[in-house]
Amino acid sequence: MTDKEFSGYRADADVTWRRVGQHWPRPSQTWRQCLLDPGSLTQRLQTLSNGHFKVQVLDEGWIYGSPHTLPIFGSRKATQLMWSRRVLLCGYDQPWVAAHSLIPISSVQGSLRQLLWLRDRPLGGFLFRHPHLRRDEPELVRMDECWGRRSVFHLEGKSLLVAEFFLPELIRQIQNQQNAFNTTGLRP
């Protein structure tokens, strides 16, 4: 798995992100299960992979915000330094999700400073432990043969942007498990 294969899957990609109701044709039911699930994606992937889950870091470091983050963070925050973290979320050693998070330097204060040292631990594992976590309505995009979503999360008065691109291998895994359930009546 090379970084180049997944370089276009970015939270600040120059693509047309739209609210859920603005997409036509709409994503299929299987895609909507992924895109609209408000819970922890990390927890869902860990369950789906029977614990054979890992985070592969593609790159992380400081970057300057781009014009594509202006509508999200506003001009003051979007032009400042941001912590950028691009990872693959893998099940059974297959890339299932390409994820990219952008965190303005002003958000990496206090306990959120821990986000700089996640390394191969999932961001969702950190975020969803906090009972006061708030998530804005996601925006969706169709890219090649996959769909992506991005959401702004708010925690301790700070904001961060997370984009997740659901790769075809994840959809195949979900469909295989659904087929196994439909044939046997037993949970896989």
Protein backbone atom coordinates (compact mmCIF):
# COMPACT_ATOMS: atom_id res chain seq x y z
CA MET A 1 0.00 0.00 0.00
CA THR A 2 1.66 3.17 -1.13
CA ASP A 3 0.94 6.74 -0.17
CA LYS A 4 0.45 7.65 -3.85
CA GLU A 5 -2.52 5.31 -4.18
CA PHE A 6 -4.38 7.26 -1.51
CA SER A 7 -3.00 10.79 -2.00
CA GLY A 8 -6.29 12.22 -3.33
CA TYR A 9 -8.30 11.17 -0.30
CA ARG A 10 -7.97 14.39 1.68
CA ALA A 11 -10.24 16.44 3.91
CA ASP A 12 -9.15 19.55 1.97
CA ALA A 13 -9.46 17.96 -1.48
CA ASP A 14 -10.60 20.24 -4.29
CA VAL A 15 -13.82 18.29 -4.87
CA THR A 16 -17.50 19.14 -4.46
CA TRP A 17 -18.57 18.18 -0.97
CA ARG A 18 -22.36 18.24 -0.51
CA ARG A 19 -24.84 17.74 2.29
CA VAL A 20 -26.58 14.36 2.34
CA GLY A 21 -29.84 15.50 0.73
CA GLN A 22 -28.02 17.26 -2.13
CA HIS A 23 -26.67 14.09 -3.77
CA TRP A 24 -28.31 12.52 -6.77
CA PRO A 25 -28.20 9.67 -7.33
CA ARG A 26 -28.11 8.84 -3.68
CA PRO A 27 -25.66 6.30 -2.29
CA SER A 28 -26.89 2.70 -2.08
CA GLN A 29 -28.14 1.33 1.23
CA THR A 30 -24.78 -0.31 2.02
CA TRP A 31 -22.92 2.94 1.36
CA ARG A 32 -25.45 4.91 3.45
CA GLN A 33 -24.85 2.53 6.39
CA CYS A 34 -21.23 3.67 6.40
CA LEU A 35 -21.71 7.32 5.49
CA LEU A 36 -24.52 8.18 7.88
CA ASP A 37 -23.62 6.11 10.94
CA PRO A 38 -23.20 8.66 13.76
CA GLY A 39 -21.27 6.26 16.00
CA SER A 40 -17.59 5.43 16.20
CA LEU A 41 -16.24 4.18 12.89
CA THR A 42 -13.26 2.72 14.75
CA GLN A 43 -15.53 0.59 16.92
CA ARG A 44 -17.54 -0.55 13.91
CA LEU A 45 -14.40 -1.58 12.00
CA GLN A 46 -12.98 -3.40 15.01
CA THR A 47 -16.21 -5.40 15.27
CA LEU A 48 -16.40 -6.06 11.53
CA SER A 49 -12.82 -7.34 11.49
CA ASN A 50 -13.20 -9.51 14.61
CA GLY A 51 -10.33 -7.58 16.17
CA HIS A 52 -8.05 -7.83 13.10
CA PHE A 53 -7.91 -4.04 12.85
CA LYS A 54 -4.96 -1.70 12.55
CA VAL A 55 -4.11 1.90 11.70
CA GLN A 56 -1.40 2.46 9.10
CA VAL A 57 -0.05 6.02 9.19
CA LEU A 58 0.65 7.38 5.70
CA ASP A 59 1.91 10.76 6.85
CA GLU A 60 1.47 13.31 9.60
CA GLY A 61 2.88 16.72 10.32
CA TRP A 62 2.26 20.45 10.22
CA ILE A 63 0.85 22.08 7.07
CA TYR A 64 -0.73 25.43 6.30
CA GLY A 65 -4.48 25.46 5.79
CA SER A 66 -5.69 25.66 2.20
CA PRO A 67 -8.42 27.77 0.57
CA HIS A 68 -10.58 24.62 0.66
CA THR A 69 -10.76 24.79 4.46
CA LEU A 70 -11.99 28.43 4.53
CA PRO A 71 -15.70 27.51 4.50
CA ILE A 72 -15.10 25.04 7.33
CA PHE A 73 -12.86 26.86 9.78
CA GLY A 74 -13.23 30.48 8.64
CA SER A 75 -10.38 32.65 7.44
CA ARG A 76 -8.67 33.10 10.81
CA LYS A 77 -8.22 29.39 11.52
CA ALA A 78 -8.01 28.10 7.95
CA THR A 79 -4.85 30.09 7.20
CA GLN A 80 -2.96 28.96 10.30
CA LEU A 81 -0.84 25.88 10.80
CA MET A 82 -2.75 22.63 11.06
CA TRP A 83 -1.80 19.17 12.17
CA SER A 84 -2.46 16.89 9.21
CA ARG A 85 -2.74 13.14 9.71
CA ARG A 86 -3.46 10.73 6.88
CA VAL A 87 -4.03 7.07 7.71
CA LEU A 88 -5.47 3.85 6.38
CA LEU A 89 -7.87 1.96 8.62
CA CYS A 90 -7.34 -1.70 7.80
CA GLY A 91 -9.26 -4.88 8.51
CA TYR A 92 -7.65 -8.24 7.88
CA ASP A 93 -4.62 -6.33 6.50
CA GLN A 94 -6.77 -4.76 3.75
CA PRO A 95 -7.28 -0.98 3.51
CA TRP A 96 -10.94 -0.33 4.28
CA VAL A 97 -10.93 3.42 4.93
CA ALA A 98 -8.56 6.23 3.93
CA ALA A 99 -8.88 8.94 6.58
CA HIS A 100 -7.49 12.45 6.85
CA SER A 101 -7.79 14.76 9.83
CA LEU A 102 -6.93 18.46 10.00
CA ILE A 103 -6.57 20.12 13.38
CA PRO A 104 -5.85 23.87 13.61
CA ILE A 105 -2.93 24.71 15.88
CA SER A 106 -5.34 26.66 18.10
CA SER A 107 -7.25 23.40 18.72
CA VAL A 108 -4.17 21.48 19.84
CA GLN A 109 -4.21 22.94 23.35
CA GLY A 110 -4.78 21.33 26.72
CA SER A 111 -5.80 17.69 26.67
CA LEU A 112 -6.26 17.78 22.87
CA ARG A 113 -2.48 18.06 22.57
CA GLN A 114 -2.53 14.24 22.82
CA LEU A 115 -3.79 14.19 19.22
CA LEU A 116 -0.24 14.95 18.06
CA TRP A 117 1.02 11.64 19.46
CA LEU A 118 -1.62 9.15 18.34
CA ARG A 119 0.84 7.37 16.02
CA ASP A 120 -0.87 4.09 15.05
CA ARG A 121 -3.79 4.49 17.47
CA PRO A 122 -7.18 5.44 15.98
CA LEU A 123 -8.43 9.01 16.32
CA GLY A 124 -11.97 7.70 16.88
CA GLY A 125 -10.78 5.82 19.95
CA PHE A 126 -9.79 9.16 21.47
CA LEU A 127 -12.76 11.24 20.31
CA PHE A 128 -15.62 8.91 21.19
CA ARG A 129 -14.44 8.50 24.79
CA HIS A 130 -15.58 12.09 25.46
CA PRO A 131 -19.26 12.42 26.40
CA HIS A 132 -19.43 16.08 25.28
CA LEU A 133 -18.20 15.38 21.76
CA ARG A 134 -20.36 17.09 19.14
CA ARG A 135 -20.31 16.36 15.42
CA ASP A 136 -21.70 18.58 12.65
CA GLU A 137 -23.78 17.11 9.84
CA PRO A 138 -21.43 15.31 7.44
CA GLU A 139 -20.76 16.38 3.88
CA LEU A 140 -20.43 13.65 1.23
CA VAL A 141 -18.46 13.24 -1.97
CA ARG A 142 -18.33 10.55 -4.64
CA MET A 143 -14.78 9.76 -5.80
CA ASP A 144 -14.18 7.07 -8.40
CA GLU A 145 -15.66 3.87 -7.00
CA CYS A 146 -16.02 5.03 -3.41
CA TRP A 147 -17.80 7.57 -1.27
CA GLY A 148 -16.34 9.84 1.37
CA ARG A 149 -17.67 11.91 4.22
CA ARG A 150 -16.20 14.72 6.23
CA SER A 151 -17.39 16.14 9.50
CA VAL A 152 -16.31 18.84 11.89
CA PHE A 153 -16.00 17.55 15.44
CA HIS A 154 -16.19 19.89 18.43
CA LEU A 155 -14.56 18.98 21.72
CA GLU A 156 -13.68 21.24 24.64
CA GLY A 157 -14.59 24.28 22.52
CA LYS A 158 -12.09 23.24 19.82
CA SER A 159 -12.76 22.08 16.26
CA LEU A 160 -11.17 19.49 14.02
CA LEU A 161 -12.04 18.20 10.57
CA VAL A 162 -12.12 14.48 9.80
CA ALA A 163 -12.65 12.97 6.34
CA GLU A 164 -13.16 9.25 5.79
CA PHE A 165 -13.21 7.61 2.38
CA PHE A 166 -14.84 4.19 2.40
CA LEU A 167 -12.93 1.91 0.05
CA PRO A 168 -14.49 -0.87 -2.06
CA GLU A 169 -12.88 -3.64 0.02
CA LEU A 170 -14.86 -2.47 3.08
CA ILE A 171 -18.12 -2.58 1.15
CA ARG A 172 -17.29 -6.11 -0.07
CA GLN A 173 -16.62 -7.19 3.53
CA ILE A 174 -19.94 -5.75 4.72
CA GLN A 175 -21.83 -7.41 1.87
CA ASN A 176 -20.10 -10.76 2.50
CA GLN A 177 -21.09 -10.64 6.16
CA GLN A 178 -24.66 -9.65 5.28
CA ASN A 179 -24.85 -12.52 2.78
CA ALA A 180 -23.52 -14.96 5.38
CA PHE A 181 -26.17 -13.73 7.83
CA ASN A 182 -28.95 -14.03 5.23
CA THR A 183 -27.93 -17.58 4.27
CA THR A 184 -27.34 -19.01 7.73
CA GLY A 185 -29.45 -16.76 9.93
CA LEU A 186 -26.46 -16.62 12.26
CA ARG A 187 -24.31 -13.60 12.88
CA PRO A 188 -20.85 -13.98 11.29
